[in-house]
Amino acid sequence: MTVFETVQYMNNVFLLTGGNMGNRQQNLLQAGKAIEQQVGKIVSASKIYETDAWGKTDQQSFYNQVLHVYSFLSPIEILKLVLDIEVSMGRERIIKYGPRLIDIDILFYNNAVIKTSELTVPHPEIQNRRFALTPLAELAPDYLHPVLHKTVAGLLSECKDPLMVKPLS
């Protein structure tokens, strides 16, 4: 198999990493290394953004980053691996939208539309979350949402989420 043939069978995956406990920047770096070792090659990474907490706002701000990954894995395989990475880094699911060391969400998997009891792709709330759209627009502004049929840049311009999202300096 040639390199070209290999590349055409890879899956384009966009993952959102985030957390607001411990050394937030170090946690994102650690998650990125684990993703590269277990899920696939990170071909681009957004800046790290500091973002207000969403859902449960009485907590420390989050650091968020989007990673564009090439992977040979299925969406379910990726989901299982990112959940394992979260657990290995100390993630505990105690309070919905509560503080966490790390959170890894699958935003897009190629142009797939998946709705199972385990996984929904594209992420069902992406259009409502500036903290996901801002770093995603940095990497893929023209990426077309396969359900809403709008670009990431278009979704960001229409997003009503008022929470602060700013790049780390």
N, C-alpha and C. Protein backbone atom coordinates (compact mmCIF):
# COMPACT_ATOMS: atom_id res chain seq x y z
N MET A 1 0.85 -1.18 0.00
CA MET A 1 0.00 0.00 0.00
C MET A 1 0.89 1.24 0.00
N THR A 2 0.60 2.20 -0.86
CA THR A 2 1.38 3.43 -0.91
C THR A 2 0.92 4.39 0.17
N VAL A 3 1.73 5.42 0.39
CA VAL A 3 1.36 6.43 1.38
C VAL A 3 0.03 7.07 0.99
N PHE A 4 -0.16 7.37 -0.29
CA PHE A 4 -1.41 7.99 -0.74
C PHE A 4 -2.60 7.09 -0.43
N GLU A 5 -2.47 5.80 -0.68
CA GLU A 5 -3.58 4.88 -0.39
C GLU A 5 -3.86 4.82 1.11
N THR A 6 -2.83 4.90 1.92
CA THR A 6 -3.01 4.89 3.36
C THR A 6 -3.79 6.13 3.81
N VAL A 7 -3.39 7.29 3.31
CA VAL A 7 -4.01 8.54 3.73
C VAL A 7 -5.50 8.56 3.36
N GLN A 8 -5.85 8.04 2.20
CA GLN A 8 -7.25 8.14 1.79
C GLN A 8 -8.19 7.29 2.65
N TYR A 9 -7.67 6.38 3.42
CA TYR A 9 -8.51 5.57 4.28
C TYR A 9 -8.54 6.05 5.73
N MET A 10 -7.78 7.10 6.01
CA MET A 10 -7.80 7.65 7.36
C MET A 10 -9.07 8.44 7.58
N ASN A 11 -9.47 8.50 8.82
CA ASN A 11 -10.66 9.26 9.21
C ASN A 11 -10.24 10.61 9.79
N ASN A 12 -10.95 11.66 9.42
CA ASN A 12 -10.75 12.98 9.99
C ASN A 12 -11.62 13.09 11.23
N VAL A 13 -10.97 13.34 12.35
CA VAL A 13 -11.67 13.43 13.62
C VAL A 13 -11.29 14.75 14.29
N PHE A 14 -12.29 15.44 14.79
CA PHE A 14 -12.04 16.65 15.57
C PHE A 14 -12.46 16.37 17.00
N LEU A 15 -11.50 16.53 17.92
CA LEU A 15 -11.73 16.29 19.34
C LEU A 15 -11.59 17.60 20.11
N LEU A 16 -12.45 17.80 21.09
CA LEU A 16 -12.35 18.93 21.99
C LEU A 16 -11.81 18.42 23.32
N THR A 17 -10.72 19.01 23.78
CA THR A 17 -10.19 18.67 25.10
C THR A 17 -10.39 19.88 26.01
N GLY A 18 -10.64 19.61 27.27
CA GLY A 18 -10.82 20.71 28.21
C GLY A 18 -10.75 20.24 29.64
N GLY A 19 -10.55 21.18 30.53
CA GLY A 19 -10.53 20.89 31.95
C GLY A 19 -10.34 22.16 32.75
N ASN A 20 -10.69 22.08 34.03
CA ASN A 20 -10.55 23.25 34.89
C ASN A 20 -10.00 22.92 36.28
N MET A 21 -9.34 21.78 36.41
CA MET A 21 -8.74 21.40 37.69
C MET A 21 -7.26 21.13 37.49
N GLY A 22 -6.50 21.34 38.56
CA GLY A 22 -5.07 21.04 38.50
C GLY A 22 -4.36 21.99 37.54
N ASN A 23 -3.26 21.51 36.98
CA ASN A 23 -2.51 22.29 36.00
C ASN A 23 -3.21 22.12 34.65
N ARG A 24 -4.10 23.03 34.35
CA ARG A 24 -4.98 22.90 33.19
C ARG A 24 -4.20 22.75 31.88
N GLN A 25 -3.17 23.56 31.70
CA GLN A 25 -2.39 23.49 30.46
C GLN A 25 -1.66 22.16 30.36
N GLN A 26 -1.06 21.72 31.44
CA GLN A 26 -0.36 20.44 31.46
C GLN A 26 -1.32 19.29 31.19
N ASN A 27 -2.52 19.36 31.73
CA ASN A 27 -3.51 18.30 31.51
C ASN A 27 -3.87 18.20 30.03
N LEU A 28 -4.01 19.35 29.35
CA LEU A 28 -4.30 19.31 27.91
C LEU A 28 -3.14 18.70 27.13
N LEU A 29 -1.92 19.05 27.52
CA LEU A 29 -0.74 18.47 26.85
C LEU A 29 -0.69 16.96 27.07
N GLN A 30 -0.93 16.53 28.30
CA GLN A 30 -0.92 15.10 28.61
C GLN A 30 -2.00 14.36 27.82
N ALA A 31 -3.18 14.94 27.74
CA ALA A 31 -4.27 14.32 26.97
C ALA A 31 -3.89 14.23 25.50
N GLY A 32 -3.28 15.28 24.97
CA GLY A 32 -2.85 15.27 23.57
C GLY A 32 -1.84 14.17 23.30
N LYS A 33 -0.90 13.98 24.20
CA LYS A 33 0.10 12.91 24.03
C LYS A 33 -0.58 11.54 24.05
N ALA A 34 -1.51 11.35 24.97
CA ALA A 34 -2.22 10.07 25.04
C ALA A 34 -3.07 9.84 23.79
N ILE A 35 -3.70 10.88 23.30
CA ILE A 35 -4.49 10.77 22.06
C ILE A 35 -3.59 10.37 20.91
N GLU A 36 -2.43 11.01 20.81
CA GLU A 36 -1.51 10.69 19.71
C GLU A 36 -1.01 9.24 19.82
N GLN A 37 -0.80 8.76 21.02
CA GLN A 37 -0.32 7.39 21.21
C GLN A 37 -1.40 6.35 20.96
N GLN A 38 -2.66 6.67 21.29
CA GLN A 38 -3.70 5.65 21.28
C GLN A 38 -4.76 5.81 20.19
N VAL A 39 -5.02 7.04 19.76
CA VAL A 39 -6.13 7.29 18.84
C VAL A 39 -5.66 7.53 17.42
N GLY A 40 -4.67 8.39 17.25
CA GLY A 40 -4.19 8.68 15.90
C GLY A 40 -3.27 9.88 15.90
N LYS A 41 -2.85 10.26 14.71
CA LYS A 41 -1.90 11.36 14.54
C LYS A 41 -2.61 12.69 14.64
N ILE A 42 -2.11 13.55 15.52
CA ILE A 42 -2.63 14.91 15.61
C ILE A 42 -1.99 15.71 14.47
N VAL A 43 -2.81 16.16 13.53
CA VAL A 43 -2.29 16.90 12.38
C VAL A 43 -2.34 18.40 12.60
N SER A 44 -3.19 18.86 13.50
CA SER A 44 -3.19 20.27 13.88
C SER A 44 -3.88 20.41 15.23
N ALA A 45 -3.48 21.47 15.92
CA ALA A 45 -4.05 21.76 17.24
C ALA A 45 -4.31 23.25 17.32
N SER A 46 -5.46 23.61 17.84
CA SER A 46 -5.78 25.03 18.02
C SER A 46 -4.93 25.59 19.15
N LYS A 47 -4.98 26.89 19.28
CA LYS A 47 -4.43 27.51 20.48
C LYS A 47 -5.23 26.96 21.67
N ILE A 48 -4.69 27.17 22.84
CA ILE A 48 -5.45 26.85 24.06
C ILE A 48 -6.23 28.11 24.44
N TYR A 49 -7.50 27.91 24.73
CA TYR A 49 -8.37 29.03 25.08
C TYR A 49 -8.82 28.90 26.53
N GLU A 50 -8.87 30.04 27.21
CA GLU A 50 -9.48 30.08 28.53
C GLU A 50 -10.94 30.42 28.32
N THR A 51 -11.81 29.66 28.95
CA THR A 51 -13.24 29.82 28.71
C THR A 51 -14.00 29.79 30.03
N ASP A 52 -15.03 30.62 30.08
CA ASP A 52 -15.92 30.57 31.24
C ASP A 52 -16.56 29.19 31.32
N ALA A 53 -16.86 28.76 32.54
CA ALA A 53 -17.53 27.48 32.74
C ALA A 53 -18.93 27.53 32.14
N TRP A 54 -19.32 26.46 31.46
CA TRP A 54 -20.61 26.36 30.79
C TRP A 54 -21.49 25.38 31.56
N GLY A 55 -22.75 25.70 31.74
CA GLY A 55 -23.67 24.78 32.40
C GLY A 55 -23.73 24.98 33.90
N LYS A 56 -22.60 24.88 34.55
CA LYS A 56 -22.48 25.12 35.99
C LYS A 56 -21.40 26.19 36.14
N THR A 57 -21.82 27.42 36.28
CA THR A 57 -20.91 28.55 36.12
C THR A 57 -20.14 28.95 37.37
N ASP A 58 -20.46 28.38 38.52
CA ASP A 58 -19.79 28.76 39.77
C ASP A 58 -18.55 27.91 40.01
N GLN A 59 -17.63 27.95 39.05
CA GLN A 59 -16.40 27.18 39.16
C GLN A 59 -15.32 27.88 38.36
N GLN A 60 -14.08 27.41 38.54
CA GLN A 60 -12.94 27.99 37.83
C GLN A 60 -13.12 27.87 36.32
N SER A 61 -12.55 28.82 35.60
CA SER A 61 -12.62 28.79 34.14
C SER A 61 -11.89 27.55 33.60
N PHE A 62 -12.26 27.18 32.39
CA PHE A 62 -11.69 26.02 31.71
C PHE A 62 -10.61 26.44 30.74
N TYR A 63 -9.72 25.53 30.44
CA TYR A 63 -8.84 25.63 29.28
C TYR A 63 -9.38 24.62 28.28
N ASN A 64 -9.52 25.04 27.03
CA ASN A 64 -10.02 24.17 25.98
C ASN A 64 -9.12 24.25 24.75
N GLN A 65 -9.08 23.14 24.02
CA GLN A 65 -8.30 23.06 22.79
C GLN A 65 -8.95 22.04 21.87
N VAL A 66 -8.96 22.33 20.56
CA VAL A 66 -9.44 21.37 19.57
C VAL A 66 -8.24 20.74 18.88
N LEU A 67 -8.32 19.43 18.71
CA LEU A 67 -7.29 18.66 18.01
C LEU A 67 -7.90 18.04 16.76
N HIS A 68 -7.20 18.19 15.64
CA HIS A 68 -7.60 17.52 14.40
C HIS A 68 -6.73 16.28 14.31
N VAL A 69 -7.36 15.11 14.28
CA VAL A 69 -6.66 13.83 14.37
C VAL A 69 -6.99 12.99 13.14
N TYR A 70 -5.96 12.35 12.58
CA TYR A 70 -6.17 11.31 11.58
C TYR A 70 -6.14 9.98 12.31
N SER A 71 -7.16 9.17 12.12
CA SER A 71 -7.24 7.90 12.83
C SER A 71 -7.82 6.82 11.92
N PHE A 72 -7.34 5.61 12.11
CA PHE A 72 -7.90 4.45 11.41
C PHE A 72 -9.04 3.82 12.21
N LEU A 73 -9.31 4.33 13.41
CA LEU A 73 -10.27 3.71 14.31
C LEU A 73 -11.70 4.12 14.01
N SER A 74 -12.63 3.29 14.44
CA SER A 74 -14.06 3.60 14.32
C SER A 74 -14.44 4.63 15.39
N PRO A 75 -15.58 5.29 15.24
CA PRO A 75 -16.02 6.24 16.26
C PRO A 75 -16.17 5.61 17.65
N ILE A 76 -16.72 4.40 17.71
CA ILE A 76 -16.89 3.74 19.01
C ILE A 76 -15.54 3.38 19.63
N GLU A 77 -14.59 2.94 18.81
CA GLU A 77 -13.25 2.66 19.33
C GLU A 77 -12.62 3.94 19.89
N ILE A 78 -12.78 5.04 19.17
CA ILE A 78 -12.24 6.32 19.65
C ILE A 78 -12.91 6.72 20.96
N LEU A 79 -14.23 6.60 21.02
CA LEU A 79 -14.95 6.95 22.24
C LEU A 79 -14.41 6.15 23.43
N LYS A 80 -14.26 4.85 23.26
CA LYS A 80 -13.76 4.02 24.37
C LYS A 80 -12.37 4.45 24.79
N LEU A 81 -11.51 4.75 23.82
CA LEU A 81 -10.14 5.16 24.15
C LEU A 81 -10.10 6.51 24.86
N VAL A 82 -10.89 7.49 24.39
CA VAL A 82 -10.84 8.80 25.06
C VAL A 82 -11.43 8.72 26.46
N LEU A 83 -12.44 7.88 26.65
CA LEU A 83 -12.97 7.69 28.01
C LEU A 83 -11.92 7.04 28.90
N ASP A 84 -11.17 6.09 28.35
CA ASP A 84 -10.08 5.46 29.11
C ASP A 84 -8.99 6.48 29.45
N ILE A 85 -8.68 7.36 28.50
CA ILE A 85 -7.68 8.41 28.76
C ILE A 85 -8.15 9.31 29.90
N GLU A 86 -9.42 9.70 29.87
CA GLU A 86 -9.97 10.53 30.94
C GLU A 86 -9.81 9.85 32.30
N VAL A 87 -10.17 8.59 32.37
CA VAL A 87 -10.08 7.84 33.63
C VAL A 87 -8.63 7.72 34.07
N SER A 88 -7.73 7.42 33.14
CA SER A 88 -6.31 7.25 33.49
C SER A 88 -5.70 8.55 34.00
N MET A 89 -6.28 9.69 33.59
CA MET A 89 -5.79 10.98 34.06
C MET A 89 -6.47 11.42 35.36
N GLY A 90 -7.43 10.63 35.85
CA GLY A 90 -8.06 10.93 37.13
C GLY A 90 -9.45 11.54 37.03
N ARG A 91 -10.06 11.49 35.86
CA ARG A 91 -11.41 12.05 35.70
C ARG A 91 -12.41 11.25 36.51
N GLU A 92 -13.22 11.97 37.28
CA GLU A 92 -14.32 11.37 38.01
C GLU A 92 -15.59 12.10 37.61
N ARG A 93 -16.62 11.36 37.26
CA ARG A 93 -17.90 11.97 36.88
C ARG A 93 -18.80 11.99 38.11
N ILE A 94 -18.81 13.14 38.77
CA ILE A 94 -19.57 13.28 40.01
C ILE A 94 -20.75 14.24 39.82
N ILE A 95 -20.47 15.44 39.33
CA ILE A 95 -21.50 16.47 39.15
C ILE A 95 -21.58 16.80 37.66
N LYS A 96 -22.79 16.75 37.10
CA LYS A 96 -22.96 17.10 35.69
C LYS A 96 -22.50 18.54 35.48
N TYR A 97 -21.67 18.73 34.47
CA TYR A 97 -21.04 20.02 34.12
C TYR A 97 -20.13 20.52 35.22
N GLY A 98 -19.77 19.66 36.17
CA GLY A 98 -18.93 20.07 37.29
C GLY A 98 -17.46 20.14 36.91
N PRO A 99 -16.61 20.49 37.88
CA PRO A 99 -15.18 20.57 37.65
C PRO A 99 -14.61 19.23 37.19
N ARG A 100 -13.59 19.30 36.36
CA ARG A 100 -12.97 18.06 35.89
C ARG A 100 -11.52 18.31 35.49
N LEU A 101 -10.71 17.27 35.68
CA LEU A 101 -9.31 17.34 35.25
C LEU A 101 -9.21 17.38 33.74
N ILE A 102 -10.02 16.55 33.08
CA ILE A 102 -9.97 16.46 31.63
C ILE A 102 -11.31 15.98 31.11
N ASP A 103 -11.66 16.50 29.96
CA ASP A 103 -12.86 16.07 29.25
C ASP A 103 -12.47 16.01 27.78
N ILE A 104 -12.83 14.95 27.10
CA ILE A 104 -12.51 14.80 25.68
C ILE A 104 -13.80 14.43 24.95
N ASP A 105 -14.20 15.29 24.04
CA ASP A 105 -15.43 15.08 23.27
C ASP A 105 -15.11 14.91 21.79
N ILE A 106 -15.83 14.02 21.14
CA ILE A 106 -15.75 13.87 19.69
C ILE A 106 -16.71 14.89 19.09
N LEU A 107 -16.17 15.87 18.36
CA LEU A 107 -17.00 16.89 17.73
C LEU A 107 -17.50 16.40 16.37
N PHE A 108 -16.57 15.96 15.53
CA PHE A 108 -16.89 15.45 14.20
C PHE A 108 -16.06 14.21 13.92
N TYR A 109 -16.62 13.31 13.14
CA TYR A 109 -15.92 12.12 12.65
C TYR A 109 -16.26 12.06 11.16
N ASN A 110 -15.29 12.47 10.32
CA ASN A 110 -15.55 12.62 8.88
C ASN A 110 -16.83 13.45 8.73
N ASN A 111 -17.72 13.02 7.86
CA ASN A 111 -19.02 13.67 7.72
C ASN A 111 -20.12 12.78 8.27
N ALA A 112 -19.74 11.89 9.18
CA ALA A 112 -20.68 10.90 9.71
C ALA A 112 -21.74 11.55 10.60
N VAL A 113 -22.91 10.95 10.56
CA VAL A 113 -23.99 11.29 11.47
C VAL A 113 -24.29 10.01 12.24
N ILE A 114 -24.02 10.03 13.53
CA ILE A 114 -24.15 8.84 14.37
C ILE A 114 -25.05 9.18 15.55
N LYS A 115 -26.02 8.32 15.79
CA LYS A 115 -26.89 8.53 16.95
C LYS A 115 -27.18 7.17 17.55
N THR A 116 -26.43 6.84 18.60
CA THR A 116 -26.64 5.59 19.33
C THR A 116 -26.79 5.93 20.81
N SER A 117 -27.04 4.94 21.62
CA SER A 117 -27.14 5.18 23.06
C SER A 117 -25.78 5.58 23.65
N GLU A 118 -24.69 5.19 22.98
CA GLU A 118 -23.35 5.49 23.47
C GLU A 118 -22.79 6.81 22.94
N LEU A 119 -23.16 7.16 21.72
CA LEU A 119 -22.45 8.23 21.03
C LEU A 119 -23.36 8.97 20.06
N THR A 120 -23.24 10.30 20.08
CA THR A 120 -23.90 11.14 19.08
C THR A 120 -22.85 12.01 18.43
N VAL A 121 -22.74 11.90 17.11
CA VAL A 121 -21.80 12.69 16.31
C VAL A 121 -22.56 13.19 15.10
N PRO A 122 -22.42 14.47 14.74
CA PRO A 122 -21.65 15.51 15.40
C PRO A 122 -22.14 15.74 16.84
N HIS A 123 -21.25 16.31 17.64
CA HIS A 123 -21.62 16.59 19.02
C HIS A 123 -22.92 17.39 19.01
N PRO A 124 -23.94 16.95 19.75
CA PRO A 124 -25.27 17.55 19.63
C PRO A 124 -25.38 19.00 20.09
N GLU A 125 -24.42 19.49 20.86
CA GLU A 125 -24.50 20.86 21.37
C GLU A 125 -23.46 21.79 20.77
N ILE A 126 -22.73 21.33 19.78
CA ILE A 126 -21.61 22.12 19.25
C ILE A 126 -22.05 23.52 18.82
N GLN A 127 -23.20 23.65 18.20
CA GLN A 127 -23.66 24.95 17.69
C GLN A 127 -24.01 25.93 18.80
N ASN A 128 -24.14 25.44 20.03
CA ASN A 128 -24.50 26.28 21.18
C ASN A 128 -23.33 26.60 22.10
N ARG A 129 -22.14 26.17 21.73
CA ARG A 129 -21.01 26.28 22.65
C ARG A 129 -19.83 27.01 21.99
N ARG A 130 -19.71 28.27 22.36
CA ARG A 130 -18.62 29.10 21.83
C ARG A 130 -17.25 28.49 22.17
N PHE A 131 -17.13 27.86 23.34
CA PHE A 131 -15.84 27.29 23.74
C PHE A 131 -15.40 26.14 22.84
N ALA A 132 -16.33 25.52 22.13
CA ALA A 132 -15.98 24.48 21.15
C ALA A 132 -15.80 25.08 19.77
N LEU A 133 -16.70 25.99 19.39
CA LEU A 133 -16.67 26.57 18.04
C LEU A 133 -15.46 27.46 17.80
N THR A 134 -15.03 28.23 18.79
CA THR A 134 -13.92 29.17 18.59
C THR A 134 -12.62 28.44 18.23
N PRO A 135 -12.18 27.45 19.01
CA PRO A 135 -10.95 26.75 18.60
C PRO A 135 -11.16 25.90 17.34
N LEU A 136 -12.36 25.37 17.14
CA LEU A 136 -12.64 24.59 15.94
C LEU A 136 -12.57 25.48 14.70
N ALA A 137 -13.09 26.70 14.80
CA ALA A 137 -13.05 27.63 13.67
C ALA A 137 -11.62 28.04 13.32
N GLU A 138 -10.75 28.02 14.30
CA GLU A 138 -9.34 28.30 14.05
C GLU A 138 -8.74 27.25 13.10
N LEU A 139 -9.13 26.00 13.28
CA LEU A 139 -8.58 24.90 12.49
C LEU A 139 -9.36 24.61 11.22
N ALA A 140 -10.68 24.73 11.28
CA ALA A 140 -11.52 24.27 10.17
C ALA A 140 -12.74 25.17 9.98
N PRO A 141 -12.54 26.44 9.64
CA PRO A 141 -13.68 27.36 9.54
C PRO A 141 -14.69 26.96 8.46
N ASP A 142 -14.21 26.29 7.41
CA ASP A 142 -15.09 25.93 6.29
C ASP A 142 -15.67 24.52 6.40
N TYR A 143 -15.37 23.83 7.50
CA TYR A 143 -15.89 22.48 7.69
C TYR A 143 -17.41 22.54 7.79
N LEU A 144 -18.10 21.73 7.02
CA LEU A 144 -19.55 21.78 6.95
C LEU A 144 -20.18 20.79 7.93
N HIS A 145 -21.01 21.31 8.82
CA HIS A 145 -21.74 20.47 9.76
C HIS A 145 -22.68 19.59 8.94
N PRO A 146 -22.57 18.25 9.06
CA PRO A 146 -23.35 17.37 8.18
C PRO A 146 -24.85 17.32 8.46
N VAL A 147 -25.30 17.87 9.57
CA VAL A 147 -26.73 17.89 9.88
C VAL A 147 -27.30 19.29 9.67
N LEU A 148 -26.61 20.30 10.18
CA LEU A 148 -27.09 21.68 10.09
C LEU A 148 -26.76 22.35 8.76
N HIS A 149 -25.84 21.75 8.00
CA HIS A 149 -25.43 22.25 6.68
C HIS A 149 -24.96 23.69 6.73
N LYS A 150 -24.20 24.00 7.78
CA LYS A 150 -23.57 25.31 7.93
C LYS A 150 -22.10 25.09 8.25
N THR A 151 -21.27 26.04 7.85
CA THR A 151 -19.85 25.93 8.17
C THR A 151 -19.63 26.21 9.65
N VAL A 152 -18.48 25.78 10.14
CA VAL A 152 -18.12 26.07 11.53
C VAL A 152 -18.07 27.59 11.74
N ALA A 153 -17.50 28.33 10.79
CA ALA A 153 -17.46 29.79 10.91
C ALA A 153 -18.87 30.37 10.96
N GLY A 154 -19.76 29.84 10.16
CA GLY A 154 -21.15 30.29 10.17
C GLY A 154 -21.82 29.99 11.50
N LEU A 155 -21.60 28.80 12.03
CA LEU A 155 -22.17 28.45 13.33
C LEU A 155 -21.64 29.37 14.43
N LEU A 156 -20.34 29.67 14.37
CA LEU A 156 -19.75 30.55 15.37
C LEU A 156 -20.36 31.95 15.27
N SER A 157 -20.55 32.46 14.06
CA SER A 157 -21.11 33.81 13.91
C SER A 157 -22.56 33.88 14.41
N GLU A 158 -23.27 32.76 14.38
CA GLU A 158 -24.66 32.72 14.85
C GLU A 158 -24.81 32.30 16.31
N CYS A 159 -23.71 31.86 16.93
CA CYS A 159 -23.77 31.30 18.28
C CYS A 159 -24.20 32.37 19.29
N LYS A 160 -25.20 32.05 20.07
CA LYS A 160 -25.75 32.98 21.07
C LYS A 160 -25.09 32.83 22.46
N ASP A 161 -24.17 31.89 22.60
CA ASP A 161 -23.48 31.67 23.86
C ASP A 161 -22.71 32.94 24.24
N PRO A 162 -23.03 33.58 25.39
CA PRO A 162 -22.38 34.84 25.75
C PRO A 162 -21.08 34.65 26.55
N LEU A 163 -20.71 33.42 26.85
CA LEU A 163 -19.56 33.20 27.74
C LEU A 163 -18.24 33.57 27.08
N MET A 164 -17.31 34.04 27.92
CA MET A 164 -16.01 34.47 27.48
C MET A 164 -15.18 33.30 26.97
N VAL A 165 -14.52 33.51 25.82
CA VAL A 165 -13.56 32.56 25.26
C VAL A 165 -12.39 33.39 24.74
N LYS A 166 -11.21 33.23 25.36
CA LYS A 166 -10.06 34.04 24.91
C LYS A 166 -8.82 33.15 24.84
N PRO A 167 -7.97 33.40 23.84
CA PRO A 167 -6.74 32.60 23.73
C PRO A 167 -5.79 32.91 24.88
N LEU A 168 -5.05 31.90 25.32
CA LEU A 168 -4.03 32.16 26.33
C LEU A 168 -2.95 33.02 25.70
N SER A 169 -2.41 33.93 26.48
CA SER A 169 -1.37 34.80 25.94
C SER A 169 -0.01 34.17 26.11
